[in-house]
Amino acid sequence: MELLLPLLLIGVFYFMLIRPQQKQRREIAEVQSTITPGVRVMTSAGLIGTIDAIEGDEVLIEVAPGVTNRYVRRAIMRVLDDGRPEQTTDEPTTRPVDTADDTTPGTTA
């Protein structure tokens, strides 16, 4: 009976923390092993670009036309399927404000 609570805590700890991390690691390893040139990817640092070439354990990522960066394959965290960066909902969308004609409706200048 005294060992039941520690065993229960270890079981909860395993299913809540260790198992999801193992699953995430397997998914990332699968993505890293199946990338091919021409695919848009995001690195662990947040760099988004297109795979230009794969040379062993290194990949060349084109970040702008004619500009490539060399990364280790393990730095690839995500493949962007639709060709555009993923949008997050925690950042508000902003638009430029034109202050040249700053007149409020209903007032005269």
PDB file of N, CA and C in Angstrom:
ATOM      1  N   MET A   1       0.823  -1.191   0.000  1.00  0.00           N
ATOM      2  CA  MET A   1       0.000   0.000   0.000  1.00  0.00           C
ATOM      3  C   MET A   1       0.870   1.260   0.000  1.00  0.00           C
ATOM      4  N   GLU A   2       2.006   1.201   0.713  1.00  0.00           N
ATOM      5  CA  GLU A   2       2.889   2.364   0.771  1.00  0.00           C
ATOM      6  C   GLU A   2       3.546   2.649  -0.565  1.00  0.00           C
ATOM      7  N   LEU A   3       3.729   1.642  -1.388  1.00  0.00           N
ATOM      8  CA  LEU A   3       4.362   1.804  -2.688  1.00  0.00           C
ATOM      9  C   LEU A   3       3.379   2.199  -3.778  1.00  0.00           C
ATOM     10  N   LEU A   4       2.097   2.164  -3.502  1.00  0.00           N
ATOM     11  CA  LEU A   4       1.086   2.444  -4.517  1.00  0.00           C
ATOM     12  C   LEU A   4       1.142   3.903  -4.988  1.00  0.00           C
ATOM     13  N   LEU A   5       1.248   4.835  -4.064  1.00  0.00           N
ATOM     14  CA  LEU A   5       1.281   6.256  -4.442  1.00  0.00           C
ATOM     15  C   LEU A   5       2.529   6.612  -5.256  1.00  0.00           C
ATOM     16  N   PRO A   6       3.744   6.210  -4.849  1.00  0.00           N
ATOM     17  CA  PRO A   6       4.913   6.505  -5.687  1.00  0.00           C
ATOM     18  C   PRO A   6       4.835   5.857  -7.064  1.00  0.00           C
ATOM     19  N   LEU A   7       4.342   4.620  -7.150  1.00  0.00           N
ATOM     20  CA  LEU A   7       4.199   3.964  -8.446  1.00  0.00           C
ATOM     21  C   LEU A   7       3.165   4.682  -9.316  1.00  0.00           C
ATOM     22  N   LEU A   8       2.098   5.126  -8.708  1.00  0.00           N
ATOM     23  CA  LEU A   8       1.072   5.867  -9.433  1.00  0.00           C
ATOM     24  C   LEU A   8       1.636   7.190  -9.958  1.00  0.00           C
ATOM     25  N   LEU A   9       2.431   7.878  -9.149  1.00  0.00           N
ATOM     26  CA  LEU A   9       3.044   9.137  -9.578  1.00  0.00           C
ATOM     27  C   LEU A   9       4.036   8.910 -10.721  1.00  0.00           C
ATOM     28  N   ILE A  10       4.794   7.845 -10.655  1.00  0.00           N
ATOM     29  CA  ILE A  10       5.741   7.526 -11.730  1.00  0.00           C
ATOM     30  C   ILE A  10       4.975   7.220 -13.016  1.00  0.00           C
ATOM     31  N   GLY A  11       3.878   6.487 -12.912  1.00  0.00           N
ATOM     32  CA  GLY A  11       3.063   6.179 -14.081  1.00  0.00           C
ATOM     33  C   GLY A  11       2.464   7.426 -14.710  1.00  0.00           C
ATOM     34  N   VAL A  12       1.942   8.322 -13.895  1.00  0.00           N
ATOM     35  CA  VAL A  12       1.377   9.579 -14.404  1.00  0.00           C
ATOM     36  C   VAL A  12       2.478  10.419 -15.044  1.00  0.00           C
ATOM     37  N   PHE A  13       3.618  10.493 -14.400  1.00  0.00           N
ATOM     38  CA  PHE A  13       4.751  11.240 -14.936  1.00  0.00           C
ATOM     39  C   PHE A  13       5.159  10.702 -16.302  1.00  0.00           C
ATOM     40  N   TYR A  14       5.198   9.381 -16.443  1.00  0.00           N
ATOM     41  CA  TYR A  14       5.576   8.762 -17.709  1.00  0.00           C
ATOM     42  C   TYR A  14       4.572   9.103 -18.806  1.00  0.00           C
ATOM     43  N   PHE A  15       3.290   8.950 -18.540  1.00  0.00           N
ATOM     44  CA  PHE A  15       2.279   9.168 -19.575  1.00  0.00           C
ATOM     45  C   PHE A  15       2.038  10.644 -19.879  1.00  0.00           C
ATOM     46  N   MET A  16       2.355  11.529 -18.947  1.00  0.00           N
ATOM     47  CA  MET A  16       2.118  12.956 -19.180  1.00  0.00           C
ATOM     48  C   MET A  16       3.337  13.677 -19.760  1.00  0.00           C
ATOM     49  N   LEU A  17       4.540  13.200 -19.480  1.00  0.00           N
ATOM     50  CA  LEU A  17       5.735  13.919 -19.916  1.00  0.00           C
ATOM     51  C   LEU A  17       6.635  13.127 -20.859  1.00  0.00           C
ATOM     52  N   ILE A  18       7.013  11.954 -20.480  1.00  0.00           N
ATOM     53  CA  ILE A  18       8.016  11.210 -21.241  1.00  0.00           C
ATOM     54  C   ILE A  18       7.466  10.703 -22.562  1.00  0.00           C
ATOM     55  N   ARG A  19       6.307  10.108 -22.541  1.00  0.00           N
ATOM     56  CA  ARG A  19       5.744   9.522 -23.761  1.00  0.00           C
ATOM     57  C   ARG A  19       5.470  10.562 -24.851  1.00  0.00           C
ATOM     58  N   PRO A  20       4.856  11.713 -24.546  1.00  0.00           N
ATOM     59  CA  PRO A  20       4.647  12.723 -25.601  1.00  0.00           C
ATOM     60  C   PRO A  20       5.956  13.249 -26.191  1.00  0.00           C
ATOM     61  N   GLN A  21       6.996  13.388 -25.367  1.00  0.00           N
ATOM     62  CA  GLN A  21       8.285  13.850 -25.879  1.00  0.00           C
ATOM     63  C   GLN A  21       8.903  12.817 -26.805  1.00  0.00           C
ATOM     64  N   GLN A  22       8.778  11.541 -26.480  1.00  0.00           N
ATOM     65  CA  GLN A  22       9.299  10.495 -27.354  1.00  0.00           C
ATOM     66  C   GLN A  22       8.571  10.506 -28.694  1.00  0.00           C
ATOM     67  N   LYS A  23       7.263  10.707 -28.664  1.00  0.00           N
ATOM     68  CA  LYS A  23       6.471  10.758 -29.896  1.00  0.00           C
ATOM     69  C   LYS A  23       6.893  11.946 -30.752  1.00  0.00           C
ATOM     70  N   GLN A  24       7.089  13.103 -30.118  1.00  0.00           N
ATOM     71  CA  GLN A  24       7.507  14.298 -30.856  1.00  0.00           C
ATOM     72  C   GLN A  24       8.891  14.097 -31.469  1.00  0.00           C
ATOM     73  N   ARG A  25       9.810  13.495 -30.730  1.00  0.00           N
ATOM     74  CA  ARG A  25      11.145  13.223 -31.259  1.00  0.00           C
ATOM     75  C   ARG A  25      11.102  12.291 -32.463  1.00  0.00           C
ATOM     76  N   ARG A  26      10.247  11.261 -32.404  1.00  0.00           N
ATOM     77  CA  ARG A  26      10.105  10.340 -33.535  1.00  0.00           C
ATOM     78  C   ARG A  26       9.556  11.057 -34.761  1.00  0.00           C
ATOM     79  N   GLU A  27       8.562  11.930 -34.567  1.00  0.00           N
ATOM     80  CA  GLU A  27       7.973  12.664 -35.687  1.00  0.00           C
ATOM     81  C   GLU A  27       8.996  13.597 -36.331  1.00  0.00           C
ATOM     82  N   ILE A  28       9.781  14.295 -35.524  1.00  0.00           N
ATOM     83  CA  ILE A  28      10.801  15.206 -36.060  1.00  0.00           C
ATOM     84  C   ILE A  28      11.878  14.416 -36.793  1.00  0.00           C
ATOM     85  N   ALA A  29      12.288  13.276 -36.237  1.00  0.00           N
ATOM     86  CA  ALA A  29      13.300  12.451 -36.906  1.00  0.00           C
ATOM     87  C   ALA A  29      12.778  11.953 -38.252  1.00  0.00           C
ATOM     88  N   GLU A  30      11.493  11.627 -38.328  1.00  0.00           N
ATOM     89  CA  GLU A  30      10.905  11.180 -39.592  1.00  0.00           C
ATOM     90  C   GLU A  30      10.910  12.315 -40.616  1.00  0.00           C
ATOM     91  N   VAL A  31      10.555  13.525 -40.180  1.00  0.00           N
ATOM     92  CA  VAL A  31      10.570  14.691 -41.074  1.00  0.00           C
ATOM     93  C   VAL A  31      11.990  14.928 -41.576  1.00  0.00           C
ATOM     94  N   GLN A  32      12.967  14.861 -40.694  1.00  0.00           N
ATOM     95  CA  GLN A  32      14.354  15.122 -41.069  1.00  0.00           C
ATOM     96  C   GLN A  32      14.895  14.082 -42.032  1.00  0.00           C
ATOM     97  N   SER A  33      14.407  12.860 -41.945  1.00  0.00           N
ATOM     98  CA  SER A  33      14.928  11.817 -42.826  1.00  0.00           C
ATOM     99  C   SER A  33      14.224  11.782 -44.182  1.00  0.00           C
ATOM    100  N   THR A  34      13.075  12.422 -44.306  1.00  0.00           N
ATOM    101  CA  THR A  34      12.326  12.347 -45.560  1.00  0.00           C
ATOM    102  C   THR A  34      12.332  13.638 -46.360  1.00  0.00           C
ATOM    103  N   ILE A  35      13.087  14.651 -45.944  1.00  0.00           N
ATOM    104  CA  ILE A  35      13.098  15.906 -46.703  1.00  0.00           C
ATOM    105  C   ILE A  35      13.797  15.710 -48.046  1.00  0.00           C
ATOM    106  N   THR A  36      13.343  16.466 -49.032  1.00  0.00           N
ATOM    107  CA  THR A  36      13.914  16.407 -50.371  1.00  0.00           C
ATOM    108  C   THR A  36      14.099  17.829 -50.892  1.00  0.00           C
ATOM    109  N   PRO A  37      14.967  18.034 -51.864  1.00  0.00           N
ATOM    110  CA  PRO A  37      15.129  19.371 -52.442  1.00  0.00           C
ATOM    111  C   PRO A  37      13.810  19.892 -53.008  1.00  0.00           C
ATOM    112  N   GLY A  38      13.586  21.190 -52.821  1.00  0.00           N
ATOM    113  CA  GLY A  38      12.375  21.829 -53.309  1.00  0.00           C
ATOM    114  C   GLY A  38      11.293  21.978 -52.260  1.00  0.00           C
ATOM    115  N   VAL A  39      11.484  21.402 -51.084  1.00  0.00           N
ATOM    116  CA  VAL A  39      10.482  21.460 -50.024  1.00  0.00           C
ATOM    117  C   VAL A  39      10.749  22.671 -49.138  1.00  0.00           C
ATOM    118  N   ARG A  40       9.681  23.400 -48.776  1.00  0.00           N
ATOM    119  CA  ARG A  40       9.829  24.529 -47.847  1.00  0.00           C
ATOM    120  C   ARG A  40       9.840  24.000 -46.427  1.00  0.00           C
ATOM    121  N   VAL A  41      10.818  24.473 -45.639  1.00  0.00           N
ATOM    122  CA  VAL A  41      10.992  23.981 -44.278  1.00  0.00           C
ATOM    123  C   VAL A  41      11.199  25.145 -43.317  1.00  0.00           C
ATOM    124  N   MET A  42      11.070  24.826 -42.026  1.00  0.00           N
ATOM    125  CA  MET A  42      11.386  25.783 -40.969  1.00  0.00           C
ATOM    126  C   MET A  42      12.396  25.119 -40.048  1.00  0.00           C
ATOM    127  N   THR A  43      13.450  25.846 -39.699  1.00  0.00           N
ATOM    128  CA  THR A  43      14.474  25.317 -38.801  1.00  0.00           C
ATOM    129  C   THR A  43      14.065  25.543 -37.357  1.00  0.00           C
ATOM    130  N   SER A  44      14.828  24.981 -36.447  1.00  0.00           N
ATOM    131  CA  SER A  44      14.547  25.161 -35.022  1.00  0.00           C
ATOM    132  C   SER A  44      14.727  26.610 -34.591  1.00  0.00           C
ATOM    133  N   ALA A  45      15.497  27.388 -35.341  1.00  0.00           N
ATOM    134  CA  ALA A  45      15.694  28.802 -35.027  1.00  0.00           C
ATOM    135  C   ALA A  45      14.624  29.681 -35.657  1.00  0.00           C
ATOM    136  N   GLY A  46      13.749  29.087 -36.473  1.00  0.00           N
ATOM    137  CA  GLY A  46      12.671  29.851 -37.080  1.00  0.00           C
ATOM    138  C   GLY A  46      12.954  30.310 -38.497  1.00  0.00           C
ATOM    139  N   LEU A  47      14.071  29.936 -39.067  1.00  0.00           N
ATOM    140  CA  LEU A  47      14.397  30.300 -40.438  1.00  0.00           C
ATOM    141  C   LEU A  47      13.515  29.497 -41.390  1.00  0.00           C
ATOM    142  N   ILE A  48      12.903  30.186 -42.347  1.00  0.00           N
ATOM    143  CA  ILE A  48      12.051  29.531 -43.327  1.00  0.00           C
ATOM    144  C   ILE A  48      12.696  29.658 -44.682  1.00  0.00           C
ATOM    145  N   GLY A  49      12.782  28.539 -45.391  1.00  0.00           N
ATOM    146  CA  GLY A  49      13.383  28.553 -46.709  1.00  0.00           C
ATOM    147  C   GLY A  49      13.076  27.267 -47.451  1.00  0.00           C
ATOM    148  N   THR A  50      13.672  27.139 -48.615  1.00  0.00           N
ATOM    149  CA  THR A  50      13.459  25.980 -49.474  1.00  0.00           C
ATOM    150  C   THR A  50      14.741  25.155 -49.529  1.00  0.00           C
ATOM    151  N   ILE A  51      14.601  23.849 -49.385  1.00  0.00           N
ATOM    152  CA  ILE A  51      15.762  22.956 -49.466  1.00  0.00           C
ATOM    153  C   ILE A  51      16.314  23.028 -50.882  1.00  0.00           C
ATOM    154  N   ASP A  52      17.581  23.420 -50.999  1.00  0.00           N
ATOM    155  CA  ASP A  52      18.228  23.531 -52.303  1.00  0.00           C
ATOM    156  C   ASP A  52      18.994  22.256 -52.626  1.00  0.00           C
ATOM    157  N   ALA A  53      19.696  21.707 -51.642  1.00  0.00           N
ATOM    158  CA  ALA A  53      20.470  20.479 -51.855  1.00  0.00           C
ATOM    159  C   ALA A  53      20.678  19.793 -50.514  1.00  0.00           C
ATOM    160  N   ILE A  54      20.905  18.486 -50.578  1.00  0.00           N
ATOM    161  CA  ILE A  54      21.198  17.691 -49.385  1.00  0.00           C
ATOM    162  C   ILE A  54      22.544  17.025 -49.608  1.00  0.00           C
ATOM    163  N   GLU A  55      23.463  17.280 -48.683  1.00  0.00           N
ATOM    164  CA  GLU A  55      24.819  16.735 -48.782  1.00  0.00           C
ATOM    165  C   GLU A  55      25.134  15.970 -47.505  1.00  0.00           C
ATOM    166  N   GLY A  56      24.784  14.706 -47.482  1.00  0.00           N
ATOM    167  CA  GLY A  56      25.028  13.888 -46.292  1.00  0.00           C
ATOM    168  C   GLY A  56      24.164  14.333 -45.137  1.00  0.00           C
ATOM    169  N   ASP A  57      24.796  14.796 -44.058  1.00  0.00           N
ATOM    170  CA  ASP A  57      24.069  15.248 -42.872  1.00  0.00           C
ATOM    171  C   ASP A  57      23.803  16.753 -42.914  1.00  0.00           C
ATOM    172  N   GLU A  58      24.133  17.409 -44.016  1.00  0.00           N
ATOM    173  CA  GLU A  58      23.939  18.852 -44.150  1.00  0.00           C
ATOM    174  C   GLU A  58      22.936  19.151 -45.254  1.00  0.00           C
ATOM    175  N   VAL A  59      22.222  20.265 -45.079  1.00  0.00           N
ATOM    176  CA  VAL A  59      21.278  20.713 -46.108  1.00  0.00           C
ATOM    177  C   VAL A  59      21.591  22.162 -46.448  1.00  0.00           C
ATOM    178  N   LEU A  60      21.393  22.514 -47.700  1.00  0.00           N
ATOM    179  CA  LEU A  60      21.495  23.897 -48.131  1.00  0.00           C
ATOM    180  C   LEU A  60      20.078  24.436 -48.255  1.00  0.00           C
ATOM    181  N   ILE A  61      19.799  25.499 -47.527  1.00  0.00           N
ATOM    182  CA  ILE A  61      18.465  26.090 -47.522  1.00  0.00           C
ATOM    183  C   ILE A  61      18.540  27.436 -48.218  1.00  0.00           C
ATOM    184  N   GLU A  62      17.728  27.598 -49.251  1.00  0.00           N
ATOM    185  CA  GLU A  62      17.669  28.869 -49.967  1.00  0.00           C
ATOM    186  C   GLU A  62      16.671  29.758 -49.242  1.00  0.00           C
ATOM    187  N   VAL A  63      17.162  30.886 -48.692  1.00  0.00           N
ATOM    188  CA  VAL A  63      16.315  31.786 -47.919  1.00  0.00           C
ATOM    189  C   VAL A  63      15.847  32.977 -48.743  1.00  0.00           C
ATOM    190  N   ALA A  64      16.539  33.258 -49.818  1.00  0.00           N
ATOM    191  CA  ALA A  64      16.176  34.316 -50.756  1.00  0.00           C
ATOM    192  C   ALA A  64      16.749  33.890 -52.105  1.00  0.00           C
ATOM    193  N   PRO A  65      16.269  34.464 -53.188  1.00  0.00           N
ATOM    194  CA  PRO A  65      16.813  34.058 -54.488  1.00  0.00           C
ATOM    195  C   PRO A  65      18.332  34.232 -54.541  1.00  0.00           C
ATOM    196  N   GLY A  66      19.042  33.123 -54.718  1.00  0.00           N
ATOM    197  CA  GLY A  66      20.494  33.140 -54.806  1.00  0.00           C
ATOM    198  C   GLY A  66      21.223  33.135 -53.476  1.00  0.00           C
ATOM    199  N   VAL A  67      20.509  33.121 -52.352  1.00  0.00           N
ATOM    200  CA  VAL A  67      21.133  33.142 -51.024  1.00  0.00           C
ATOM    201  C   VAL A  67      20.837  31.815 -50.329  1.00  0.00           C
ATOM    202  N   THR A  68      21.895  31.040 -50.029  1.00  0.00           N
ATOM    203  CA  THR A  68      21.706  29.764 -49.349  1.00  0.00           C
ATOM    204  C   THR A  68      22.479  29.744 -48.043  1.00  0.00           C
ATOM    205  N   ASN A  69      21.927  29.030 -47.085  1.00  0.00           N
ATOM    206  CA  ASN A  69      22.575  28.806 -45.793  1.00  0.00           C
ATOM    207  C   ASN A  69      22.761  27.315 -45.619  1.00  0.00           C
ATOM    208  N   ARG A  70      23.857  26.924 -44.998  1.00  0.00           N
ATOM    209  CA  ARG A  70      24.139  25.509 -44.741  1.00  0.00           C
ATOM    210  C   ARG A  70      23.751  25.198 -43.293  1.00  0.00           C
ATOM    211  N   TYR A  71      22.939  24.157 -43.127  1.00  0.00           N
ATOM    212  CA  TYR A  71      22.488  23.711 -41.811  1.00  0.00           C
ATOM    213  C   TYR A  71      22.700  22.217 -41.692  1.00  0.00           C
ATOM    214  N   VAL A  72      22.795  21.729 -40.466  1.00  0.00           N
ATOM    215  CA  VAL A  72      22.773  20.287 -40.258  1.00  0.00           C
ATOM    216  C   VAL A  72      21.320  19.839 -40.384  1.00  0.00           C
ATOM    217  N   ARG A  73      21.140  18.623 -40.816  1.00  0.00           N
ATOM    218  CA  ARG A  73      19.790  18.100 -41.051  1.00  0.00           C
ATOM    219  C   ARG A  73      18.941  18.139 -39.782  1.00  0.00           C
ATOM    220  N   ARG A  74      19.575  17.971 -38.626  1.00  0.00           N
ATOM    221  CA  ARG A  74      18.843  17.967 -37.355  1.00  0.00           C
ATOM    222  C   ARG A  74      18.202  19.311 -37.029  1.00  0.00           C
ATOM    223  N   ALA A  75      18.593  20.374 -37.710  1.00  0.00           N
ATOM    224  CA  ALA A  75      18.014  21.691 -37.449  1.00  0.00           C
ATOM    225  C   ALA A  75      16.628  21.847 -38.066  1.00  0.00           C
ATOM    226  N   ILE A  76      16.257  20.970 -39.000  1.00  0.00           N
ATOM    227  CA  ILE A  76      14.948  21.053 -39.636  1.00  0.00           C
ATOM    228  C   ILE A  76      13.900  20.559 -38.645  1.00  0.00           C
ATOM    229  N   MET A  77      12.924  21.402 -38.327  1.00  0.00           N
ATOM    230  CA  MET A  77      11.897  21.029 -37.364  1.00  0.00           C
ATOM    231  C   MET A  77      10.534  20.790 -38.001  1.00  0.00           C
ATOM    232  N   ARG A  78      10.264  21.437 -39.126  1.00  0.00           N
ATOM    233  CA  ARG A  78       8.928  21.353 -39.691  1.00  0.00           C
ATOM    234  C   ARG A  78       8.979  21.521 -41.195  1.00  0.00           C
ATOM    235  N   VAL A  79       8.119  20.805 -41.898  1.00  0.00           N
ATOM    236  CA  VAL A  79       7.939  20.992 -43.336  1.00  0.00           C
ATOM    237  C   VAL A  79       6.682  21.822 -43.516  1.00  0.00           C
ATOM    238  N   LEU A  80       6.790  22.897 -44.288  1.00  0.00           N
ATOM    239  CA  LEU A  80       5.647  23.759 -44.551  1.00  0.00           C
ATOM    240  C   LEU A  80       4.997  23.298 -45.841  1.00  0.00           C
ATOM    241  N   ASP A  81       3.833  22.704 -45.741  1.00  0.00           N
ATOM    242  CA  ASP A  81       3.180  22.069 -46.876  1.00  0.00           C
ATOM    243  C   ASP A  81       2.684  23.046 -47.929  1.00  0.00           C
ATOM    244  N   ASP A  82       2.065  24.137 -47.496  1.00  0.00           N
ATOM    245  CA  ASP A  82       1.397  24.997 -48.468  1.00  0.00           C
ATOM    246  C   ASP A  82       2.313  26.034 -49.107  1.00  0.00           C
ATOM    247  N   GLY A  83       3.570  26.045 -48.771  1.00  0.00           N
ATOM    248  CA  GLY A  83       4.498  26.974 -49.393  1.00  0.00           C
ATOM    249  C   GLY A  83       4.522  28.347 -48.750  1.00  0.00           C
ATOM    250  N   ARG A  84       3.730  28.559 -47.706  1.00  0.00           N
ATOM    251  CA  ARG A  84       3.729  29.831 -46.996  1.00  0.00           C
ATOM    252  C   ARG A  84       4.013  29.577 -45.525  1.00  0.00           C
ATOM    253  N   PRO A  85       4.605  30.560 -44.828  1.00  0.00           N
ATOM    254  CA  PRO A  85       4.862  30.359 -43.399  1.00  0.00           C
ATOM    255  C   PRO A  85       3.556  30.155 -42.651  1.00  0.00           C
ATOM    256  N   GLU A  86       3.609  29.347 -41.615  1.00  0.00           N
ATOM    257  CA  GLU A  86       2.423  29.124 -40.799  1.00  0.00           C
ATOM    258  C   GLU A  86       2.134  30.369 -39.983  1.00  0.00           C
ATOM    259  N   GLN A  87       0.847  30.706 -39.849  1.00  0.00           N
ATOM    260  CA  GLN A  87       0.461  31.864 -39.073  1.00  0.00           C
ATOM    261  C   GLN A  87       0.107  31.421 -37.674  1.00  0.00           C
ATOM    262  N   THR A  88       0.574  32.171 -36.707  1.00  0.00           N
ATOM    263  CA  THR A  88       0.230  31.871 -35.328  1.00  0.00           C
ATOM    264  C   THR A  88      -0.849  32.834 -34.893  1.00  0.00           C
ATOM    265  N   THR A  89      -1.684  32.394 -33.973  1.00  0.00           N
ATOM    266  CA  THR A  89      -2.789  33.233 -33.529  1.00  0.00           C
ATOM    267  C   THR A  89      -2.403  34.129 -32.365  1.00  0.00           C
ATOM    268  N   ASP A  90      -1.216  33.954 -31.775  1.00  0.00           N
ATOM    269  CA  ASP A  90      -0.832  34.771 -30.649  1.00  0.00           C
ATOM    270  C   ASP A  90      -0.243  36.115 -31.061  1.00  0.00           C
ATOM    271  N   GLU A  91       0.042  36.310 -32.338  1.00  0.00           N
ATOM    272  CA  GLU A  91       0.545  37.590 -32.808  1.00  0.00           C
ATOM    273  C   GLU A  91      -0.574  38.344 -33.511  1.00  0.00           C
ATOM    274  N   PRO A  92      -0.840  39.578 -33.096  1.00  0.00           N
ATOM    275  CA  PRO A  92      -1.906  40.327 -33.758  1.00  0.00           C
ATOM    276  C   PRO A  92      -1.484  40.724 -35.163  1.00  0.00           C
ATOM    277  N   THR A  93      -2.442  40.728 -36.055  1.00  0.00           N
ATOM    278  CA  THR A  93      -2.145  41.174 -37.409  1.00  0.00           C
ATOM    279  C   THR A  93      -2.229  42.689 -37.450  1.00  0.00           C
ATOM    280  N   THR A  94      -1.272  43.305 -38.094  1.00  0.00           N
ATOM    281  CA  THR A  94      -1.242  44.756 -38.179  1.00  0.00           C
ATOM    282  C   THR A  94      -1.216  45.170 -39.628  1.00  0.00           C
ATOM    283  N   ARG A  95      -1.650  46.366 -39.886  1.00  0.00           N
ATOM    284  CA  ARG A  95      -1.586  46.914 -41.229  1.00  0.00           C
ATOM    285  C   ARG A  95      -1.001  48.302 -41.131  1.00  0.00           C
ATOM    286  N   PRO A  96      -0.336  48.757 -42.174  1.00  0.00           N
ATOM    287  CA  PRO A  96       0.273  50.081 -42.126  1.00  0.00           C
ATOM    288  C   PRO A  96      -0.796  51.164 -42.016  1.00  0.00           C
ATOM    289  N   VAL A  97      -0.464  52.194 -41.272  1.00  0.00           N
ATOM    290  CA  VAL A  97      -1.385  53.301 -41.084  1.00  0.00           C
ATOM    291  C   VAL A  97      -0.889  54.472 -41.919  1.00  0.00           C
ATOM    292  N   ASP A  98      -1.776  55.030 -42.728  1.00  0.00           N
ATOM    293  CA  ASP A  98      -1.436  56.179 -43.552  1.00  0.00           C
ATOM    294  C   ASP A  98      -1.774  57.429 -42.761  1.00  0.00           C
ATOM    295  N   THR A  99      -0.757  58.174 -42.331  1.00  0.00           N
ATOM    296  CA  THR A  99      -0.983  59.375 -41.524  1.00  0.00           C
ATOM    297  C   THR A  99      -0.934  60.644 -42.359  1.00  0.00           C
ATOM    298  N   ALA A 100      -0.790  60.510 -43.680  1.00  0.00           N
ATOM    299  CA  ALA A 100      -0.697  61.694 -44.536  1.00  0.00           C
ATOM    300  C   ALA A 100      -2.022  62.452 -44.548  1.00  0.00           C
ATOM    301  N   ASP A 101      -3.137  61.764 -44.580  1.00  0.00           N
ATOM    302  CA  ASP A 101      -4.451  62.395 -44.622  1.00  0.00           C
ATOM    303  C   ASP A 101      -5.177  62.004 -43.355  1.00  0.00           C
ATOM    304  N   ASP A 102      -4.828  62.623 -42.240  1.00  0.00           N
ATOM    305  CA  ASP A 102      -5.370  62.246 -40.943  1.00  0.00           C
ATOM    306  C   ASP A 102      -6.564  63.106 -40.605  1.00  0.00           C
ATOM    307  N   THR A 103      -7.668  62.829 -41.254  1.00  0.00           N
ATOM    308  CA  THR A 103      -8.894  63.557 -40.945  1.00  0.00           C
ATOM    309  C   THR A 103      -9.878  62.578 -40.372  1.00  0.00           C
ATOM    310  N   THR A 104     -10.548  62.999 -39.319  1.00  0.00           N
ATOM    311  CA  THR A 104     -11.522  62.167 -38.660  1.00  0.00           C
ATOM    312  C   THR A 104     -12.865  62.412 -39.318  1.00  0.00           C
ATOM    313  N   PRO A 105     -13.623  61.353 -39.618  1.00  0.00           N
ATOM    314  CA  PRO A 105     -14.938  61.567 -40.232  1.00  0.00           C
ATOM    315  C   PRO A 105     -15.817  62.411 -39.321  1.00  0.00           C
ATOM    316  N   GLY A 106     -16.517  63.350 -39.933  1.00  0.00           N
ATOM    317  CA  GLY A 106     -17.412  64.217 -39.173  1.00  0.00           C
ATOM    318  C   GLY A 106     -16.763  65.509 -38.742  1.00  0.00           C
ATOM    319  N   THR A 107     -15.490  65.701 -39.001  1.00  0.00           N
ATOM    320  CA  THR A 107     -14.821  66.945 -38.641  1.00  0.00           C
ATOM    321  C   THR A 107     -14.324  67.607 -39.909  1.00  0.00           C
ATOM    322  N   THR A 108     -14.134  68.881 -39.851  1.00  0.00           N
ATOM    323  CA  THR A 108     -13.612  69.612 -40.996  1.00  0.00           C
ATOM    324  C   THR A 108     -12.223  70.092 -40.694  1.00  0.00           C
ATOM    325  N   ALA A 109     -11.431  70.172 -41.710  1.00  0.00           N
ATOM    326  CA  ALA A 109     -10.046  70.585 -41.520  1.00  0.00           C
ATOM    327  C   ALA A 109      -9.905  72.081 -41.585  1.00  0.00           C
TER     328      ALA A 109
END
